[in-house]
Amino acid sequence: MRVSADFRARLLELVAAGLTIFEIRPLLAAELERGVSREALYQELLDTILFLREQGRETEEDRVGDVADLMSDWVPREHRL
């Protein structure tokens, strides 16, 4: 299953609003609960990072990278997705 059509827009709205990665985490969890695979969700986060990089939006790129870390070993186990 693919991520929701509006996932990127919702993610970028939350990032622009200055929410923390822990406040953004429920958005990712909802996609996983819908049946989106971890790989597909992570790939969408990486694609979003590349999209932002192409536009020169470095601050937002870094923030989305921090969100992507929720799916890696970079955060404590209890916070990972």
Protein backbone atom coordinates (compact mmCIF):
# COMPACT_ATOMS: atom_id res chain seq x y z
CA MET A 1 0.00 0.00 0.00
CA ARG A 2 1.18 3.51 -0.81
CA VAL A 3 1.19 6.46 1.55
CA SER A 4 -1.85 8.72 1.54
CA ALA A 5 -2.00 11.16 -1.35
CA ASP A 6 -1.87 14.11 1.03
CA PHE A 7 0.81 12.69 3.34
CA ARG A 8 3.61 14.96 2.10
CA ALA A 9 1.45 18.08 2.33
CA ARG A 10 0.36 17.20 5.87
CA LEU A 11 3.94 16.41 6.88
CA LEU A 12 5.24 19.70 5.53
CA GLU A 13 2.43 21.62 7.26
CA LEU A 14 3.42 20.09 10.60
CA VAL A 15 7.10 20.80 9.97
CA ALA A 16 6.34 24.41 9.00
CA ALA A 17 4.25 24.81 12.15
CA GLY A 18 7.34 23.94 14.19
CA LEU A 19 6.01 20.73 15.74
CA THR A 20 8.53 18.39 17.31
CA ILE A 21 9.27 14.97 15.86
CA PHE A 22 7.26 13.46 18.69
CA GLU A 23 4.26 15.61 17.76
CA ILE A 24 4.65 14.54 14.12
CA ARG A 25 5.08 10.87 15.03
CA PRO A 26 1.28 10.17 15.07
CA LEU A 27 1.10 11.08 11.37
CA LEU A 28 3.61 8.33 10.56
CA ALA A 29 1.96 5.88 12.95
CA ALA A 30 -1.41 6.45 11.24
CA GLU A 31 0.11 5.54 7.87
CA LEU A 32 1.55 2.34 9.30
CA GLU A 33 -1.81 1.50 10.87
CA ARG A 34 -3.45 1.97 7.44
CA GLY A 35 -1.21 -0.82 6.16
CA VAL A 36 1.57 1.19 4.54
CA SER A 37 4.82 -0.73 4.80
CA ARG A 38 7.71 0.70 6.79
CA GLU A 39 9.78 0.66 3.60
CA ALA A 40 7.20 2.65 1.62
CA LEU A 41 6.81 5.19 4.42
CA TYR A 42 10.55 5.59 4.86
CA GLN A 43 10.99 5.96 1.08
CA GLU A 44 8.38 8.73 1.04
CA LEU A 45 10.30 10.53 3.78
CA LEU A 46 13.51 10.21 1.74
CA ASP A 47 11.72 11.43 -1.39
CA THR A 48 10.42 14.41 0.58
CA ILE A 49 13.95 15.20 1.74
CA LEU A 50 15.17 15.15 -1.88
CA PHE A 51 12.21 17.31 -2.96
CA LEU A 52 13.10 19.90 -0.31
CA ARG A 53 16.80 19.75 -1.19
CA GLU A 54 16.03 20.47 -4.86
CA GLN A 55 14.09 23.54 -3.74
CA GLY A 56 16.86 24.74 -1.45
CA ARG A 57 14.69 24.38 1.65
CA GLU A 58 17.49 23.19 3.92
CA THR A 59 15.81 23.87 7.27
CA GLU A 60 12.73 21.86 6.32
CA GLU A 61 14.94 19.16 4.80
CA ASP A 62 16.76 18.79 8.12
CA ARG A 63 13.48 18.64 10.05
CA VAL A 64 12.08 15.89 7.79
CA GLY A 65 15.38 14.05 8.24
CA ASP A 66 14.83 14.22 11.98
CA VAL A 67 11.35 12.76 11.49
CA ALA A 68 12.79 9.96 9.34
CA ASP A 69 15.11 9.12 12.23
CA LEU A 70 12.04 7.85 14.09
CA MET A 71 12.30 4.81 11.84
CA SER A 72 15.98 4.21 12.58
CA ASP A 73 18.32 3.33 15.39
CA TRP A 74 19.08 7.03 15.89
CA VAL A 75 16.33 7.44 18.49
CA PRO A 76 15.70 5.41 21.65
CA ARG A 77 13.78 2.19 21.04
CA GLU A 78 10.66 3.42 22.86
CA HIS A 79 10.26 6.28 20.36
CA ARG A 80 10.91 4.33 17.15
CA LEU A 81 8.22 3.34 14.72
